[in-house]
Amino acid sequence: MFGDFFMRWRARRARWKADAKRLVAINPPTAFHAAQVEVARARSVQDRAEAWHWMKVAAEVARICPEADLDVERSVQAIRAAGFCYR
């Protein structure tokens, strides 16, 4: 019972860490904004699990990448540029 829980938790954690590292490898300054755009995309289709995943990815990007731009206004601009409404 607990073993299954921890295995699923570890798999989810490994996925968000891998996605964060992939975004940072592509473009470190915009990695945080890219994760926020993915959050907006998941929210737009009402996929709560995927939105949660990308929120964790954004947090991991902020943690591992000192050169990431964490400006929320720029994230909102990136979300709007991707075609999603942000309230």
PDB file of N, CA and C in Angstrom:
ATOM      1  N   MET A   1       0.824  -1.193   0.000  1.00  0.00           N
ATOM      2  CA  MET A   1       0.000   0.000   0.000  1.00  0.00           C
ATOM      3  C   MET A   1       0.868   1.256   0.000  1.00  0.00           C
ATOM      4  N   PHE A   2       1.708   1.409   1.027  1.00  0.00           N
ATOM      5  CA  PHE A   2       2.559   2.590   1.072  1.00  0.00           C
ATOM      6  C   PHE A   2       3.652   2.527   0.015  1.00  0.00           C
ATOM      7  N   GLY A   3       4.081   1.316  -0.307  1.00  0.00           N
ATOM      8  CA  GLY A   3       5.094   1.165  -1.340  1.00  0.00           C
ATOM      9  C   GLY A   3       4.608   1.671  -2.687  1.00  0.00           C
ATOM     10  N   ASP A   4       3.358   1.370  -3.026  1.00  0.00           N
ATOM     11  CA  ASP A   4       2.781   1.853  -4.283  1.00  0.00           C
ATOM     12  C   ASP A   4       2.673   3.369  -4.291  1.00  0.00           C
ATOM     13  N   PHE A   5       2.258   3.927  -3.159  1.00  0.00           N
ATOM     14  CA  PHE A   5       2.136   5.379  -3.046  1.00  0.00           C
ATOM     15  C   PHE A   5       3.482   6.051  -3.295  1.00  0.00           C
ATOM     16  N   PHE A   6       4.518   5.547  -2.640  1.00  0.00           N
ATOM     17  CA  PHE A   6       5.833   6.165  -2.791  1.00  0.00           C
ATOM     18  C   PHE A   6       6.398   5.972  -4.191  1.00  0.00           C
ATOM     19  N   MET A   7       6.101   4.850  -4.810  1.00  0.00           N
ATOM     20  CA  MET A   7       6.580   4.642  -6.180  1.00  0.00           C
ATOM     21  C   MET A   7       5.912   5.623  -7.135  1.00  0.00           C
ATOM     22  N   ARG A   8       4.591   5.839  -6.974  1.00  0.00           N
ATOM     23  CA  ARG A   8       3.893   6.817  -7.817  1.00  0.00           C
ATOM     24  C   ARG A   8       4.412   8.224  -7.544  1.00  0.00           C
ATOM     25  N   TRP A   9       4.632   8.549  -6.282  1.00  0.00           N
ATOM     26  CA  TRP A   9       5.142   9.867  -5.908  1.00  0.00           C
ATOM     27  C   TRP A   9       6.524  10.095  -6.511  1.00  0.00           C
ATOM     28  N   ARG A  10       7.381   9.087  -6.415  1.00  0.00           N
ATOM     29  CA  ARG A  10       8.726   9.207  -6.996  1.00  0.00           C
ATOM     30  C   ARG A  10       8.668   9.388  -8.511  1.00  0.00           C
ATOM     31  N   ALA A  11       7.766   8.667  -9.163  1.00  0.00           N
ATOM     32  CA  ALA A  11       7.625   8.788 -10.620  1.00  0.00           C
ATOM     33  C   ALA A  11       7.155  10.187 -10.997  1.00  0.00           C
ATOM     34  N   ARG A  12       6.173  10.730 -10.254  1.00  0.00           N
ATOM     35  CA  ARG A  12       5.708  12.094 -10.533  1.00  0.00           C
ATOM     36  C   ARG A  12       6.825  13.098 -10.301  1.00  0.00           C
ATOM     37  N   ARG A  13       7.556  12.925  -9.211  1.00  0.00           N
ATOM     38  CA  ARG A  13       8.658  13.837  -8.894  1.00  0.00           C
ATOM     39  C   ARG A  13       9.744  13.774  -9.970  1.00  0.00           C
ATOM     40  N   ALA A  14      10.074  12.578 -10.408  1.00  0.00           N
ATOM     41  CA  ALA A  14      11.082  12.425 -11.463  1.00  0.00           C
ATOM     42  C   ALA A  14      10.616  13.095 -12.748  1.00  0.00           C
ATOM     43  N   ARG A  15       9.318  13.017 -13.047  1.00  0.00           N
ATOM     44  CA  ARG A  15       8.789  13.637 -14.267  1.00  0.00           C
ATOM     45  C   ARG A  15       8.910  15.148 -14.209  1.00  0.00           C
ATOM     46  N   TRP A  16       8.523  15.777 -13.081  1.00  0.00           N
ATOM     47  CA  TRP A  16       8.599  17.232 -13.046  1.00  0.00           C
ATOM     48  C   TRP A  16      10.045  17.708 -13.011  1.00  0.00           C
ATOM     49  N   LYS A  17      10.935  16.949 -12.377  1.00  0.00           N
ATOM     50  CA  LYS A  17      12.346  17.332 -12.396  1.00  0.00           C
ATOM     51  C   LYS A  17      12.921  17.225 -13.811  1.00  0.00           C
ATOM     52  N   ALA A  18      12.563  16.170 -14.524  1.00  0.00           N
ATOM     53  CA  ALA A  18      13.052  15.988 -15.893  1.00  0.00           C
ATOM     54  C   ALA A  18      12.526  17.088 -16.807  1.00  0.00           C
ATOM     55  N   ASP A  19      11.246  17.445 -16.663  1.00  0.00           N
ATOM     56  CA  ASP A  19      10.685  18.518 -17.486  1.00  0.00           C
ATOM     57  C   ASP A  19      11.347  19.854 -17.170  1.00  0.00           C
ATOM     58  N   ALA A  20      11.626  20.107 -15.903  1.00  0.00           N
ATOM     59  CA  ALA A  20      12.294  21.356 -15.523  1.00  0.00           C
ATOM     60  C   ALA A  20      13.698  21.412 -16.121  1.00  0.00           C
ATOM     61  N   LYS A  21      14.431  20.321 -16.029  1.00  0.00           N
ATOM     62  CA  LYS A  21      15.783  20.286 -16.592  1.00  0.00           C
ATOM     63  C   LYS A  21      15.753  20.460 -18.105  1.00  0.00           C
ATOM     64  N   ARG A  22      14.743  19.878 -18.753  1.00  0.00           N
ATOM     65  CA  ARG A  22      14.616  20.010 -20.209  1.00  0.00           C
ATOM     66  C   ARG A  22      14.357  21.461 -20.595  1.00  0.00           C
ATOM     67  N   LEU A  23      13.453  22.136 -19.880  1.00  0.00           N
ATOM     68  CA  LEU A  23      13.161  23.541 -20.184  1.00  0.00           C
ATOM     69  C   LEU A  23      14.381  24.424 -19.944  1.00  0.00           C
ATOM     70  N   VAL A  24      15.107  24.163 -18.865  1.00  0.00           N
ATOM     71  CA  VAL A  24      16.304  24.954 -18.565  1.00  0.00           C
ATOM     72  C   VAL A  24      17.380  24.712 -19.619  1.00  0.00           C
ATOM     73  N   ALA A  25      17.493  23.487 -20.100  1.00  0.00           N
ATOM     74  CA  ALA A  25      18.493  23.180 -21.126  1.00  0.00           C
ATOM     75  C   ALA A  25      18.174  23.882 -22.442  1.00  0.00           C
ATOM     76  N   ILE A  26      16.893  24.034 -22.749  1.00  0.00           N
ATOM     77  CA  ILE A  26      16.494  24.679 -24.001  1.00  0.00           C
ATOM     78  C   ILE A  26      16.784  26.174 -23.965  1.00  0.00           C
ATOM     79  N   ASN A  27      16.317  26.859 -22.921  1.00  0.00           N
ATOM     80  CA  ASN A  27      16.509  28.309 -22.815  1.00  0.00           C
ATOM     81  C   ASN A  27      16.326  28.733 -21.356  1.00  0.00           C
ATOM     82  N   PRO A  28      17.416  28.850 -20.597  1.00  0.00           N
ATOM     83  CA  PRO A  28      17.311  29.139 -19.164  1.00  0.00           C
ATOM     84  C   PRO A  28      16.518  30.397 -18.805  1.00  0.00           C
ATOM     85  N   PRO A  29      16.718  31.538 -19.478  1.00  0.00           N
ATOM     86  CA  PRO A  29      15.981  32.731 -19.052  1.00  0.00           C
ATOM     87  C   PRO A  29      14.464  32.626 -19.211  1.00  0.00           C
ATOM     88  N   THR A  30      13.987  31.848 -20.173  1.00  0.00           N
ATOM     89  CA  THR A  30      12.541  31.775 -20.405  1.00  0.00           C
ATOM     90  C   THR A  30      11.918  30.465 -19.928  1.00  0.00           C
ATOM     91  N   ALA A  31      12.670  29.645 -19.230  1.00  0.00           N
ATOM     92  CA  ALA A  31      12.159  28.342 -18.790  1.00  0.00           C
ATOM     93  C   ALA A  31      10.964  28.487 -17.855  1.00  0.00           C
ATOM     94  N   PHE A  32      11.023  29.443 -16.934  1.00  0.00           N
ATOM     95  CA  PHE A  32       9.917  29.654 -15.996  1.00  0.00           C
ATOM     96  C   PHE A  32       8.654  30.059 -16.744  1.00  0.00           C
ATOM     97  N   HIS A  33       8.796  30.963 -17.708  1.00  0.00           N
ATOM     98  CA  HIS A  33       7.637  31.417 -18.486  1.00  0.00           C
ATOM     99  C   HIS A  33       7.050  30.270 -19.310  1.00  0.00           C
ATOM    100  N   ALA A  34       7.918  29.422 -19.862  1.00  0.00           N
ATOM    101  CA  ALA A  34       7.436  28.279 -20.642  1.00  0.00           C
ATOM    102  C   ALA A  34       6.615  27.334 -19.768  1.00  0.00           C
ATOM    103  N   ALA A  35       7.059  27.122 -18.540  1.00  0.00           N
ATOM    104  CA  ALA A  35       6.297  26.268 -17.620  1.00  0.00           C
ATOM    105  C   ALA A  35       4.956  26.906 -17.279  1.00  0.00           C
ATOM    106  N   GLN A  36       4.940  28.224 -17.098  1.00  0.00           N
ATOM    107  CA  GLN A  36       3.688  28.915 -16.789  1.00  0.00           C
ATOM    108  C   GLN A  36       2.710  28.845 -17.972  1.00  0.00           C
ATOM    109  N   VAL A  37       3.229  28.895 -19.184  1.00  0.00           N
ATOM    110  CA  VAL A  37       2.370  28.745 -20.367  1.00  0.00           C
ATOM    111  C   VAL A  37       1.748  27.347 -20.376  1.00  0.00           C
ATOM    112  N   GLU A  38       2.525  26.342 -20.001  1.00  0.00           N
ATOM    113  CA  GLU A  38       1.985  24.979 -19.930  1.00  0.00           C
ATOM    114  C   GLU A  38       0.915  24.864 -18.849  1.00  0.00           C
ATOM    115  N   VAL A  39       1.087  25.584 -17.741  1.00  0.00           N
ATOM    116  CA  VAL A  39       0.046  25.619 -16.706  1.00  0.00           C
ATOM    117  C   VAL A  39      -1.240  26.181 -17.304  1.00  0.00           C
ATOM    118  N   ALA A  40      -1.131  27.290 -18.023  1.00  0.00           N
ATOM    119  CA  ALA A  40      -2.309  27.914 -18.633  1.00  0.00           C
ATOM    120  C   ALA A  40      -2.954  26.984 -19.653  1.00  0.00           C
ATOM    121  N   ARG A  41      -2.131  26.284 -20.428  1.00  0.00           N
ATOM    122  CA  ARG A  41      -2.668  25.342 -21.420  1.00  0.00           C
ATOM    123  C   ARG A  41      -3.458  24.228 -20.719  1.00  0.00           C
ATOM    124  N   ALA A  42      -2.909  23.682 -19.655  1.00  0.00           N
ATOM    125  CA  ALA A  42      -3.600  22.611 -18.925  1.00  0.00           C
ATOM    126  C   ALA A  42      -4.882  23.121 -18.279  1.00  0.00           C
ATOM    127  N   ARG A  43      -4.832  24.329 -17.738  1.00  0.00           N
ATOM    128  CA  ARG A  43      -6.036  24.901 -17.131  1.00  0.00           C
ATOM    129  C   ARG A  43      -7.112  25.165 -18.174  1.00  0.00           C
ATOM    130  N   SER A  44      -6.700  25.544 -19.379  1.00  0.00           N
ATOM    131  CA  SER A  44      -7.682  25.865 -20.416  1.00  0.00           C
ATOM    132  C   SER A  44      -8.493  24.643 -20.833  1.00  0.00           C
ATOM    133  N   VAL A  45      -7.908  23.469 -20.703  1.00  0.00           N
ATOM    134  CA  VAL A  45      -8.644  22.238 -21.014  1.00  0.00           C
ATOM    135  C   VAL A  45      -9.119  21.539 -19.739  1.00  0.00           C
ATOM    136  N   GLN A  46      -9.012  22.239 -18.623  1.00  0.00           N
ATOM    137  CA  GLN A  46      -9.470  21.773 -17.310  1.00  0.00           C
ATOM    138  C   GLN A  46      -8.831  20.450 -16.897  1.00  0.00           C
ATOM    139  N   ASP A  47      -7.543  20.336 -17.140  1.00  0.00           N
ATOM    140  CA  ASP A  47      -6.775  19.160 -16.723  1.00  0.00           C
ATOM    141  C   ASP A  47      -6.012  19.529 -15.456  1.00  0.00           C
ATOM    142  N   ARG A  48      -6.630  19.281 -14.312  1.00  0.00           N
ATOM    143  CA  ARG A  48      -6.054  19.706 -13.036  1.00  0.00           C
ATOM    144  C   ARG A  48      -4.731  19.013 -12.735  1.00  0.00           C
ATOM    145  N   ALA A  49      -4.635  17.728 -13.041  1.00  0.00           N
ATOM    146  CA  ALA A  49      -3.413  16.986 -12.745  1.00  0.00           C
ATOM    147  C   ALA A  49      -2.237  17.533 -13.551  1.00  0.00           C
ATOM    148  N   GLU A  50      -2.489  17.829 -14.811  1.00  0.00           N
ATOM    149  CA  GLU A  50      -1.416  18.367 -15.662  1.00  0.00           C
ATOM    150  C   GLU A  50      -1.051  19.789 -15.244  1.00  0.00           C
ATOM    151  N   ALA A  51      -2.045  20.588 -14.856  1.00  0.00           N
ATOM    152  CA  ALA A  51      -1.764  21.938 -14.364  1.00  0.00           C
ATOM    153  C   ALA A  51      -0.908  21.867 -13.107  1.00  0.00           C
ATOM    154  N   TRP A  52      -1.231  20.949 -12.213  1.00  0.00           N
ATOM    155  CA  TRP A  52      -0.446  20.770 -10.986  1.00  0.00           C
ATOM    156  C   TRP A  52       0.989  20.374 -11.342  1.00  0.00           C
ATOM    157  N   HIS A  53       1.122  19.459 -12.283  1.00  0.00           N
ATOM    158  CA  HIS A  53       2.455  19.025 -12.713  1.00  0.00           C
ATOM    159  C   HIS A  53       3.282  20.215 -13.195  1.00  0.00           C
ATOM    160  N   TRP A  54       2.702  21.050 -14.061  1.00  0.00           N
ATOM    161  CA  TRP A  54       3.465  22.162 -14.613  1.00  0.00           C
ATOM    162  C   TRP A  54       3.726  23.252 -13.577  1.00  0.00           C
ATOM    163  N   MET A  55       2.859  23.368 -12.564  1.00  0.00           N
ATOM    164  CA  MET A  55       3.160  24.283 -11.459  1.00  0.00           C
ATOM    165  C   MET A  55       4.398  23.808 -10.710  1.00  0.00           C
ATOM    166  N   LYS A  56       4.490  22.507 -10.496  1.00  0.00           N
ATOM    167  CA  LYS A  56       5.663  21.949  -9.831  1.00  0.00           C
ATOM    168  C   LYS A  56       6.911  22.126 -10.705  1.00  0.00           C
ATOM    169  N   VAL A  57       6.751  21.996 -12.017  1.00  0.00           N
ATOM    170  CA  VAL A  57       7.876  22.221 -12.935  1.00  0.00           C
ATOM    171  C   VAL A  57       8.354  23.666 -12.819  1.00  0.00           C
ATOM    172  N   ALA A  58       7.427  24.617 -12.790  1.00  0.00           N
ATOM    173  CA  ALA A  58       7.803  26.030 -12.658  1.00  0.00           C
ATOM    174  C   ALA A  58       8.551  26.270 -11.354  1.00  0.00           C
ATOM    175  N   ALA A  59       8.091  25.659 -10.276  1.00  0.00           N
ATOM    176  CA  ALA A  59       8.776  25.804  -8.989  1.00  0.00           C
ATOM    177  C   ALA A  59      10.173  25.195  -9.046  1.00  0.00           C
ATOM    178  N   GLU A  60      10.303  24.067  -9.706  1.00  0.00           N
ATOM    179  CA  GLU A  60      11.606  23.418  -9.833  1.00  0.00           C
ATOM    180  C   GLU A  60      12.549  24.253 -10.699  1.00  0.00           C
ATOM    181  N   VAL A  61      12.037  24.860 -11.755  1.00  0.00           N
ATOM    182  CA  VAL A  61      12.856  25.753 -12.583  1.00  0.00           C
ATOM    183  C   VAL A  61      13.371  26.908 -11.731  1.00  0.00           C
ATOM    184  N   ALA A  62      12.494  27.494 -10.935  1.00  0.00           N
ATOM    185  CA  ALA A  62      12.906  28.601 -10.069  1.00  0.00           C
ATOM    186  C   ALA A  62      13.978  28.151  -9.080  1.00  0.00           C
ATOM    187  N   ARG A  63      13.891  26.919  -8.629  1.00  0.00           N
ATOM    188  CA  ARG A  63      14.850  26.406  -7.661  1.00  0.00           C
ATOM    189  C   ARG A  63      16.211  26.114  -8.281  1.00  0.00           C
ATOM    190  N   ILE A  64      16.242  25.521  -9.465  1.00  0.00           N
ATOM    191  CA  ILE A  64      17.511  25.043 -10.028  1.00  0.00           C
ATOM    192  C   ILE A  64      18.204  26.031 -10.954  1.00  0.00           C
ATOM    193  N   CYS A  65      17.513  27.065 -11.406  1.00  0.00           N
ATOM    194  CA  CYS A  65      18.078  27.944 -12.433  1.00  0.00           C
ATOM    195  C   CYS A  65      18.162  29.388 -11.940  1.00  0.00           C
ATOM    196  N   PRO A  66      19.343  29.818 -11.515  1.00  0.00           N
ATOM    197  CA  PRO A  66      19.464  31.187 -11.012  1.00  0.00           C
ATOM    198  C   PRO A  66      19.268  32.252 -12.089  1.00  0.00           C
ATOM    199  N   GLU A  67      19.466  31.909 -13.357  1.00  0.00           N
ATOM    200  CA  GLU A  67      19.300  32.913 -14.411  1.00  0.00           C
ATOM    201  C   GLU A  67      17.885  32.948 -14.987  1.00  0.00           C
ATOM    202  N   ALA A  68      16.974  32.160 -14.429  1.00  0.00           N
ATOM    203  CA  ALA A  68      15.579  32.179 -14.900  1.00  0.00           C
ATOM    204  C   ALA A  68      14.921  33.500 -14.518  1.00  0.00           C
ATOM    205  N   ASP A  69      14.189  34.064 -15.456  1.00  0.00           N
ATOM    206  CA  ASP A  69      13.455  35.308 -15.220  1.00  0.00           C
ATOM    207  C   ASP A  69      12.138  34.953 -14.536  1.00  0.00           C
ATOM    208  N   LEU A  70      11.966  35.388 -13.290  1.00  0.00           N
ATOM    209  CA  LEU A  70      10.790  35.020 -12.505  1.00  0.00           C
ATOM    210  C   LEU A  70       9.756  36.131 -12.445  1.00  0.00           C
ATOM    211  N   ASP A  71       9.809  37.059 -13.376  1.00  0.00           N
ATOM    212  CA  ASP A  71       8.871  38.178 -13.390  1.00  0.00           C
ATOM    213  C   ASP A  71       7.480  37.688 -13.798  1.00  0.00           C
ATOM    214  N   VAL A  72       6.515  37.878 -12.910  1.00  0.00           N
ATOM    215  CA  VAL A  72       5.155  37.392 -13.152  1.00  0.00           C
ATOM    216  C   VAL A  72       4.511  38.121 -14.327  1.00  0.00           C
ATOM    217  N   GLU A  73       4.764  39.413 -14.459  1.00  0.00           N
ATOM    218  CA  GLU A  73       4.180  40.161 -15.580  1.00  0.00           C
ATOM    219  C   GLU A  73       4.652  39.602 -16.918  1.00  0.00           C
ATOM    220  N   ARG A  74       5.904  39.220 -17.004  1.00  0.00           N
ATOM    221  CA  ARG A  74       6.397  38.619 -18.248  1.00  0.00           C
ATOM    222  C   ARG A  74       5.767  37.253 -18.484  1.00  0.00           C
ATOM    223  N   SER A  75       5.494  36.532 -17.404  1.00  0.00           N
ATOM    224  CA  SER A  75       4.794  35.252 -17.554  1.00  0.00           C
ATOM    225  C   SER A  75       3.398  35.471 -18.112  1.00  0.00           C
ATOM    226  N   VAL A  76       2.705  36.490 -17.609  1.00  0.00           N
ATOM    227  CA  VAL A  76       1.362  36.806 -18.102  1.00  0.00           C
ATOM    228  C   VAL A  76       1.428  37.177 -19.578  1.00  0.00           C
ATOM    229  N   GLN A  77       2.436  37.955 -19.966  1.00  0.00           N
ATOM    230  CA  GLN A  77       2.601  38.321 -21.375  1.00  0.00           C
ATOM    231  C   GLN A  77       2.853  37.085 -22.239  1.00  0.00           C
ATOM    232  N   ALA A  78       3.665  36.151 -21.735  1.00  0.00           N
ATOM    233  CA  ALA A  78       3.945  34.923 -22.485  1.00  0.00           C
ATOM    234  C   ALA A  78       2.684  34.080 -22.639  1.00  0.00           C
ATOM    235  N   ILE A  79       1.868  34.051 -21.587  1.00  0.00           N
ATOM    236  CA  ILE A  79       0.616  33.288 -21.639  1.00  0.00           C
ATOM    237  C   ILE A  79      -0.330  33.905 -22.660  1.00  0.00           C
ATOM    238  N   ARG A  80      -0.435  35.224 -22.646  1.00  0.00           N
ATOM    239  CA  ARG A  80      -1.301  35.905 -23.619  1.00  0.00           C
ATOM    240  C   ARG A  80      -0.782  35.726 -25.039  1.00  0.00           C
ATOM    241  N   ALA A  81       0.546  35.781 -25.210  1.00  0.00           N
ATOM    242  CA  ALA A  81       1.133  35.601 -26.537  1.00  0.00           C
ATOM    243  C   ALA A  81       0.867  34.190 -27.071  1.00  0.00           C
ATOM    244  N   ALA A  82       0.751  33.227 -26.164  1.00  0.00           N
ATOM    245  CA  ALA A  82       0.459  31.854 -26.576  1.00  0.00           C
ATOM    246  C   ALA A  82      -1.021  31.653 -26.888  1.00  0.00           C
ATOM    247  N   GLY A  83      -1.834  32.679 -26.603  1.00  0.00           N
ATOM    248  CA  GLY A  83      -3.243  32.615 -26.961  1.00  0.00           C
ATOM    249  C   GLY A  83      -4.173  32.181 -25.852  1.00  0.00           C
ATOM    250  N   PHE A  84      -3.709  32.269 -24.609  1.00  0.00           N
ATOM    251  CA  PHE A  84      -4.542  31.881 -23.481  1.00  0.00           C
ATOM    252  C   PHE A  84      -4.950  33.114 -22.701  1.00  0.00           C
ATOM    253  N   CYS A  85      -6.167  33.101 -22.193  1.00  0.00           N
ATOM    254  CA  CYS A  85      -6.674  34.203 -21.379  1.00  0.00           C
ATOM    255  C   CYS A  85      -6.195  33.999 -19.949  1.00  0.00           C
ATOM    256  N   TYR A  86      -5.662  35.020 -19.344  1.00  0.00           N
ATOM    257  CA  TYR A  86      -5.189  34.934 -17.962  1.00  0.00           C
ATOM    258  C   TYR A  86      -5.940  35.944 -17.130  1.00  0.00           C
ATOM    259  N   ARG A  87      -6.577  35.485 -16.070  1.00  0.00           N
ATOM    260  CA  ARG A  87      -7.359  36.388 -15.219  1.00  0.00           C
ATOM    261  C   ARG A  87      -6.682  36.618 -13.917  1.00  0.00           C
TER     262      ARG A  87
END
